[in-house]
C-alpha atoms as a PDB file:
ATOM      1  CA  LEU A   1      10.593 -17.745   0.392  1.00  0.00           C
ATOM      2  CA  THR A   2      11.610 -14.666   2.344  1.00  0.00           C
ATOM      3  CA  VAL A   3       9.616 -11.474   1.951  1.00  0.00           C
ATOM      4  CA  VAL A   4      11.514  -8.321   2.825  1.00  0.00           C
ATOM      5  CA  LYS A   5       9.072  -5.806   4.229  1.00  0.00           C
ATOM      6  CA  MET A   6       9.241  -2.231   2.929  1.00  0.00           C
ATOM      7  CA  GLU A   7       9.817   0.653   5.297  1.00  0.00           C
ATOM      8  CA  GLY A   8       7.417   3.574   5.466  1.00  0.00           C
ATOM      9  CA  TRP A   9       4.645   1.939   3.394  1.00  0.00           C
ATOM     10  CA  LYS A  10       1.008   1.707   4.531  1.00  0.00           C
ATOM     11  CA  ARG A  11      -1.823  -0.045   2.669  1.00  0.00           C
ATOM     12  CA  GLY A  12      -3.873   3.148   2.411  1.00  0.00           C
ATOM     13  CA  MET A  13      -1.155   5.074   0.542  1.00  0.00           C
ATOM     14  CA  ASN A  14      -1.252   5.993  -3.124  1.00  0.00           C
ATOM     15  CA  PHE A  15       2.099   5.814  -4.868  1.00  0.00           C
ATOM     16  CA  ASP A  16       2.317   9.611  -4.900  1.00  0.00           C
ATOM     17  CA  ALA A  17       2.491   9.576  -1.090  1.00  0.00           C
ATOM     18  CA  THR A  18       5.784   7.651  -1.158  1.00  0.00           C
ATOM     19  CA  GLY A  19       7.741  10.544  -2.637  1.00  0.00           C
ATOM     20  CA  LEU A  20       9.542   8.024  -4.863  1.00  0.00           C
ATOM     21  CA  PRO A  21      10.032   8.335  -8.631  1.00  0.00           C
ATOM     22  CA  TRP A  22       7.948   5.953 -10.739  1.00  0.00           C
ATOM     23  CA  VAL A  23       9.888   3.109 -12.334  1.00  0.00           C
ATOM     24  CA  PRO A  24       7.982   1.500 -15.230  1.00  0.00           C
ATOM     25  CA  THR A  25       6.783  -1.953 -14.189  1.00  0.00           C
ATOM     26  CA  SER A  26       6.088  -2.922 -17.809  1.00  0.00           C
ATOM     27  CA  PRO A  27       6.468  -1.311 -21.248  1.00  0.00           C
ATOM     28  CA  HIS A  28       2.713  -0.679 -21.094  1.00  0.00           C
ATOM     29  CA  ILE A  29       2.777   0.809 -17.600  1.00  0.00           C
ATOM     30  CA  PRO A  30       5.261   3.641 -18.088  1.00  0.00           C
ATOM     31  CA  THR A  31       3.569   6.038 -15.655  1.00  0.00           C
ATOM     32  CA  VAL A  32       1.851   5.897 -12.303  1.00  0.00           C
ATOM     33  CA  ASP A  33      -1.406   6.912 -14.038  1.00  0.00           C
ATOM     34  CA  ALA A  34      -1.242   3.776 -16.197  1.00  0.00           C
ATOM     35  CA  ALA A  35      -0.801   1.676 -13.048  1.00  0.00           C
ATOM     36  CA  TYR A  36      -3.795   3.332 -11.395  1.00  0.00           C
ATOM     37  CA  LEU A  37      -5.999   2.770 -14.456  1.00  0.00           C
ATOM     38  CA  TYR A  38      -4.903  -0.793 -15.204  1.00  0.00           C
ATOM     39  CA  PRO A  39      -7.778  -2.274 -13.129  1.00  0.00           C
ATOM     40  CA  ALA A  40     -10.239   0.105 -14.819  1.00  0.00           C
ATOM     41  CA  THR A  41      -9.629  -1.147 -18.363  1.00  0.00           C
ATOM     42  CA  GLY A  42      -7.363  -4.202 -18.278  1.00  0.00           C
ATOM     43  CA  ILE A  43     -10.116  -6.817 -18.090  1.00  0.00           C
ATOM     44  CA  LEU A  44     -11.939  -5.362 -21.099  1.00  0.00           C
ATOM     45  CA  GLY A  45      -8.610  -5.126 -22.917  1.00  0.00           C
ATOM     46  CA  GLU A  46      -8.273  -8.910 -22.753  1.00  0.00           C
ATOM     47  CA  LEU A  47     -11.035  -9.175 -25.366  1.00  0.00           C
ATOM     48  CA  GLY A  48      -9.108  -7.166 -27.988  1.00  0.00           C
ATOM     49  CA  THR A  49     -12.282  -5.604 -29.396  1.00  0.00           C
ATOM     50  CA  VAL A  50     -11.650  -2.023 -28.241  1.00  0.00           C
ATOM     51  CA  SER A  51      -8.587   0.128 -27.654  1.00  0.00           C
ATOM     52  CA  ILE A  52      -7.668   0.648 -24.012  1.00  0.00           C
ATOM     53  CA  GLY A  53      -4.810   2.958 -24.950  1.00  0.00           C
ATOM     54  CA  VAL A  54      -2.177   0.220 -25.256  1.00  0.00           C
ATOM     55  CA  GLY A  55      -0.710   0.963 -28.670  1.00  0.00           C
ATOM     56  CA  TYR A  56      -1.417   4.646 -28.184  1.00  0.00           C
ATOM     57  CA  THR A  57      -0.036   7.244 -25.751  1.00  0.00           C
ATOM     58  CA  LEU A  58      -2.520   6.459 -22.939  1.00  0.00           C
ATOM     59  CA  PRO A  59      -1.996   2.820 -21.939  1.00  0.00           C
ATOM     60  CA  PHE A  60      -4.944   1.692 -19.793  1.00  0.00           C
ATOM     61  CA  GLY A  61      -6.172   5.299 -19.681  1.00  0.00           C
ATOM     62  CA  MET A  62      -8.863   5.215 -22.348  1.00  0.00           C
ATOM     63  CA  ILE A  63     -11.521   3.037 -23.959  1.00  0.00           C
ATOM     64  CA  ALA A  64     -12.277   3.626 -27.641  1.00  0.00           C
ATOM     65  CA  ARG A  65     -13.626   1.824 -30.685  1.00  0.00           C
ATOM     66  CA  GLU A  66     -14.076   2.427 -34.378  1.00  0.00           C
ATOM     67  CA  GLY A  67     -17.023   4.596 -35.399  1.00  0.00           C
ATOM     68  CA  MET A  68     -17.841   5.776 -31.874  1.00  0.00           C
ATOM     69  CA  ASP A  69     -19.056   9.309 -31.195  1.00  0.00           C
ATOM     70  CA  ALA A  70     -16.663  10.247 -28.392  1.00  0.00           C
ATOM     71  CA  ASP A  71     -18.670  13.269 -27.245  1.00  0.00           C
ATOM     72  CA  LEU A  72     -21.850  11.239 -26.911  1.00  0.00           C
ATOM     73  CA  LEU A  73     -20.096   8.388 -25.096  1.00  0.00           C
ATOM     74  CA  ALA A  74     -18.420  10.756 -22.602  1.00  0.00           C
ATOM     75  CA  SER A  75     -21.675  12.599 -22.007  1.00  0.00           C
ATOM     76  CA  ARG A  76     -23.623   9.395 -21.342  1.00  0.00           C
ATOM     77  CA  LEU A  77     -20.938   7.985 -19.040  1.00  0.00           C
ATOM     78  CA  ASN A  78     -20.697  11.226 -17.063  1.00  0.00           C
ATOM     79  CA  THR A  79     -24.462  11.128 -16.445  1.00  0.00           C
ATOM     80  CA  LEU A  80     -23.906   7.858 -14.539  1.00  0.00           C
ATOM     81  CA  TYR A  81     -22.057   9.926 -11.912  1.00  0.00           C
ATOM     82  CA  LEU A  82     -19.626   7.122 -11.126  1.00  0.00           C
ATOM     83  CA  PRO A  83     -17.980   8.132  -7.853  1.00  0.00           C
ATOM     84  CA  GLY A  84     -14.507   9.602  -8.211  1.00  0.00           C
ATOM     85  CA  ILE A  85     -14.442   9.333 -12.027  1.00  0.00           C
ATOM     86  CA  LEU A  86     -14.788  11.738 -14.952  1.00  0.00           C
ATOM     87  CA  PHE A  87     -14.722  10.933 -18.668  1.00  0.00           C
ATOM     88  CA  ARG A  88     -13.358  13.157 -21.457  1.00  0.00           C
ATOM     89  CA  PRO A  89     -14.085  12.524 -25.139  1.00  0.00           C
ATOM     90  CA  ILE A  90     -11.067  11.435 -27.141  1.00  0.00           C
ATOM     91  CA  TYR A  91     -10.358  10.524 -30.756  1.00  0.00           C
ATOM     92  CA  ALA A  92      -7.219   8.492 -31.357  1.00  0.00           C
ATOM     93  CA  THR A  93      -5.502   6.320 -33.942  1.00  0.00           C
ATOM     94  CA  PRO A  94      -3.478   3.540 -32.268  1.00  0.00           C
ATOM     95  CA  PHE A  95       0.083   3.051 -33.489  1.00  0.00           C
ATOM     96  CA  TYR A  96      -0.024  -0.717 -32.915  1.00  0.00           C
ATOM     97  CA  GLY A  97      -2.309  -3.429 -31.552  1.00  0.00           C
ATOM     98  CA  SER A  98      -5.609  -4.819 -32.780  1.00  0.00           C
ATOM     99  CA  LEU A  99      -6.874  -1.389 -33.908  1.00  0.00           C
ATOM    100  CA  LYS A 100      -3.580  -0.210 -35.410  1.00  0.00           C
ATOM    101  CA  GLY A 101      -4.079   2.644 -37.864  1.00  0.00           C
ATOM    102  CA  LYS A 102      -7.838   2.798 -37.313  1.00  0.00           C
ATOM    103  CA  GLU A 103      -9.597   5.969 -36.205  1.00  0.00           C
ATOM    104  CA  THR A 104     -11.352   5.413 -32.905  1.00  0.00           C
ATOM    105  CA  GLY A 105     -13.611   7.464 -30.667  1.00  0.00           C
ATOM    106  CA  GLY A 106     -13.975   6.956 -26.961  1.00  0.00           C
ATOM    107  CA  VAL A 107     -13.196   8.325 -23.530  1.00  0.00           C
ATOM    108  CA  GLN A 108     -10.154   9.167 -21.485  1.00  0.00           C
ATOM    109  CA  ILE A 109     -10.635   8.231 -17.827  1.00  0.00           C
ATOM    110  CA  TYR A 110      -9.762  10.609 -15.000  1.00  0.00           C
ATOM    111  CA  ILE A 111      -9.678   9.607 -11.345  1.00  0.00           C
ATOM    112  CA  THR A 112     -10.852  12.570  -9.272  1.00  0.00           C
ATOM    113  CA  ASP A 113     -11.195  10.807  -5.918  1.00  0.00           C
ATOM    114  CA  PHE A 114      -9.194   7.636  -5.208  1.00  0.00           C
ATOM    115  CA  ASP A 115     -11.154   6.859  -2.067  1.00  0.00           C
ATOM    116  CA  ALA A 116     -14.501   6.921  -3.869  1.00  0.00           C
ATOM    117  CA  ALA A 117     -13.611   5.358  -7.241  1.00  0.00           C
ATOM    118  CA  VAL A 118     -14.287   1.653  -7.794  1.00  0.00           C
ATOM    119  CA  LEU A 119     -11.885   1.152 -10.665  1.00  0.00           C
ATOM    120  CA  SER A 120     -12.668  -2.416 -11.735  1.00  0.00           C
ATOM    121  CA  GLN A 121     -16.320  -1.556 -12.362  1.00  0.00           C
ATOM    122  CA  ILE A 122     -15.570   1.203 -14.895  1.00  0.00           C
ATOM    123  CA  GLN A 123     -14.999  -1.120 -17.851  1.00  0.00           C
ATOM    124  CA  PHE A 124     -18.359  -2.813 -17.296  1.00  0.00           C
ATOM    125  CA  TYR A 125     -20.191   0.518 -17.205  1.00  0.00           C
ATOM    126  CA  VAL A 126     -18.410   1.550 -20.401  1.00  0.00           C
ATOM    127  CA  MET A 127     -19.450  -1.719 -22.088  1.00  0.00           C
ATOM    128  CA  GLN A 128     -23.006  -1.139 -20.859  1.00  0.00           C
ATOM    129  CA  VAL A 129     -23.166   2.336 -22.418  1.00  0.00           C
ATOM    130  CA  LEU A 130     -21.429   1.191 -25.616  1.00  0.00           C
ATOM    131  CA  ARG A 131     -24.124  -1.470 -25.988  1.00  0.00           C
ATOM    132  CA  GLU A 132     -26.901   1.065 -25.321  1.00  0.00           C
ATOM    133  CA  LEU A 133     -25.487   3.388 -27.992  1.00  0.00           C
ATOM    134  CA  ASP A 134     -24.763   0.603 -30.488  1.00  0.00           C
ATOM    135  CA  PRO A 135     -26.642  -2.701 -30.119  1.00  0.00           C
ATOM    136  CA  SER A 136     -24.152  -4.315 -32.531  1.00  0.00           C
ATOM    137  CA  PHE A 137     -21.438  -3.942 -29.861  1.00  0.00           C
ATOM    138  CA  ALA A 138     -21.046  -7.550 -28.693  1.00  0.00           C
ATOM    139  CA  PRO A 139     -17.450  -8.173 -27.609  1.00  0.00           C
ATOM    140  CA  PHE A 140     -18.180 -11.662 -26.279  1.00  0.00           C
ATOM    141  CA  THR A 141     -19.289 -12.867 -29.703  1.00  0.00           C
ATOM    142  CA  GLN A 142     -16.703 -10.804 -31.603  1.00  0.00           C
ATOM    143  CA  ALA A 143     -13.632 -11.858 -29.600  1.00  0.00           C
ATOM    144  CA  PRO A 144     -11.744 -15.078 -30.440  1.00  0.00           C
ATOM    145  CA  GLN A 145     -12.074 -18.009 -28.037  1.00  0.00           C
ATOM    146  CA  SER A 146      -8.555 -17.522 -26.663  1.00  0.00           C
ATOM    147  CA  ARG A 147      -9.470 -13.958 -25.662  1.00  0.00           C
ATOM    148  CA  LEU A 148     -12.670 -15.147 -23.968  1.00  0.00           C
ATOM    149  CA  GLU A 149     -10.658 -17.687 -21.991  1.00  0.00           C
ATOM    150  CA  MET A 150      -8.297 -14.944 -20.833  1.00  0.00           C
ATOM    151  CA  PHE A 151     -11.235 -12.707 -19.876  1.00  0.00           C
ATOM    152  CA  ASP A 152     -12.634 -15.572 -17.788  1.00  0.00           C
ATOM    153  CA  LYS A 153      -9.274 -16.113 -16.093  1.00  0.00           C
ATOM    154  CA  VAL A 154      -8.904 -12.502 -15.050  1.00  0.00           C
ATOM    155  CA  THR A 155     -12.496 -12.264 -13.798  1.00  0.00           C
ATOM    156  CA  GLY A 156     -12.179 -15.546 -11.914  1.00  0.00           C
ATOM    157  CA  SER A 157     -14.717 -17.626 -13.847  1.00  0.00           C
ATOM    158  CA  LYS A 158     -16.977 -17.640 -16.891  1.00  0.00           C
ATOM    159  CA  GLU A 159     -19.864 -16.640 -14.608  1.00  0.00           C
ATOM    160  CA  ILE A 160     -19.185 -12.904 -15.016  1.00  0.00           C
ATOM    161  CA  ARG A 161     -19.033 -13.103 -18.823  1.00  0.00           C
ATOM    162  CA  GLU A 162     -22.141 -15.261 -19.087  1.00  0.00           C
ATOM    163  CA  ALA A 163     -24.231 -13.093 -16.747  1.00  0.00           C
ATOM    164  CA  PHE A 164     -23.043  -9.744 -18.122  1.00  0.00           C
ATOM    165  CA  GLY A 165     -23.260 -10.894 -21.746  1.00  0.00           C
ATOM    166  CA  GLN A 166     -27.013 -11.488 -21.524  1.00  0.00           C
ATOM    167  CA  GLN A 167     -27.973  -7.788 -21.392  1.00  0.00           C
ATOM    168  CA  TYR A 168     -24.687  -5.915 -20.870  1.00  0.00           C
ATOM    169  CA  ARG A 169     -25.867  -4.300 -17.628  1.00  0.00           C
ATOM    170  CA  PHE A 170     -23.550  -3.964 -14.662  1.00  0.00           C
ATOM    171  CA  GLU A 171     -26.452  -4.372 -12.248  1.00  0.00           C
ATOM    172  CA  ASP A 172     -26.767  -7.982 -13.477  1.00  0.00           C
ATOM    173  CA  ILE A 173     -23.314  -8.839 -12.125  1.00  0.00           C
ATOM    174  CA  PHE A 174     -23.064  -6.365  -9.241  1.00  0.00           C
ATOM    175  CA  SER A 175     -23.630  -8.944  -6.498  1.00  0.00           C
ATOM    176  CA  ILE A 176     -21.448 -11.606  -8.163  1.00  0.00           C
ATOM    177  CA  TRP A 177     -18.608  -9.097  -8.653  1.00  0.00           C
ATOM    178  CA  ASN A 178     -18.802  -7.847  -5.073  1.00  0.00           C
ATOM    179  CA  ASP A 179     -19.113 -11.364  -3.613  1.00  0.00           C
ATOM    180  CA  PHE A 180     -15.881 -12.373  -5.368  1.00  0.00           C
ATOM    181  CA  ALA A 181     -14.147  -9.224  -4.088  1.00  0.00           C
ATOM    182  CA  ASP A 182     -15.419  -9.682  -0.520  1.00  0.00           C
ATOM    183  CA  LYS A 183     -14.262 -13.308  -0.453  1.00  0.00           C
ATOM    184  CA  PHE A 184     -10.829 -12.328  -1.754  1.00  0.00           C
ATOM    185  CA  ARG A 185     -10.479  -9.584   0.861  1.00  0.00           C
ATOM    186  CA  GLU A 186     -11.360 -12.027   3.631  1.00  0.00           C
ATOM    187  CA  VAL A 187      -8.991 -14.782   2.451  1.00  0.00           C
ATOM    188  CA  SER A 188      -6.126 -12.362   1.763  1.00  0.00           C
ATOM    189  CA  LYS A 189      -6.247 -10.618   5.177  1.00  0.00           C
ATOM    190  CA  LYS A 190      -3.964 -13.147   6.834  1.00  0.00           C
ATOM    191  CA  TYR A 191      -1.245 -12.314   4.291  1.00  0.00           C
ATOM    192  CA  TYR A 192      -1.280  -8.536   4.763  1.00  0.00           C
ATOM    193  CA  LEU A 193       2.127  -7.228   5.764  1.00  0.00           C
ATOM    194  CA  TYR A 194       1.177  -3.574   6.188  1.00  0.00           C
ATOM    195  CA  GLY A 195      -1.401  -1.669   8.215  1.00  0.00           C
ATOM    196  CA  LEU A 196      -3.556   1.136   6.885  1.00  0.00           C
END
């Protein structure tokens, strides 16, 4: 295997800093915004119980479900003051996917500060607030087994699902989530090709 190193790239750069045009990396990542938001909603999307904008015009840029009061959800999420993130209420009817043709309410996600935002945590905070607003929201019991297995794969183990699924509070998995991330950062350092 030969890796050809890029010129002019630094690890601390956002894509916008490259000055290059975005080339879709997937049919569901047609814009740079979708790429930025993929880690914010993609894990939750594996369950198939909510819309994450795939099947609508905002792939990975929203989280919505049937019967949800979008204004209330956005208001509650914004009171969490997640660093670098704002939520806007949105009502949408997906064109395809598991919620095709169904009216959904939810939030569109805006990144206001890339340096402050912790994107992968957003979906857990959204699930936490969805559960607070509607105790019947239980994606781990509503998703098929194959979807649960995929969720476990992308989170690294069933430990996250089992711990979070007890009370749907991010604080219950905060240390587990960060331990996994810290270990990955340490192991991956020797493979870094680019400086900050």
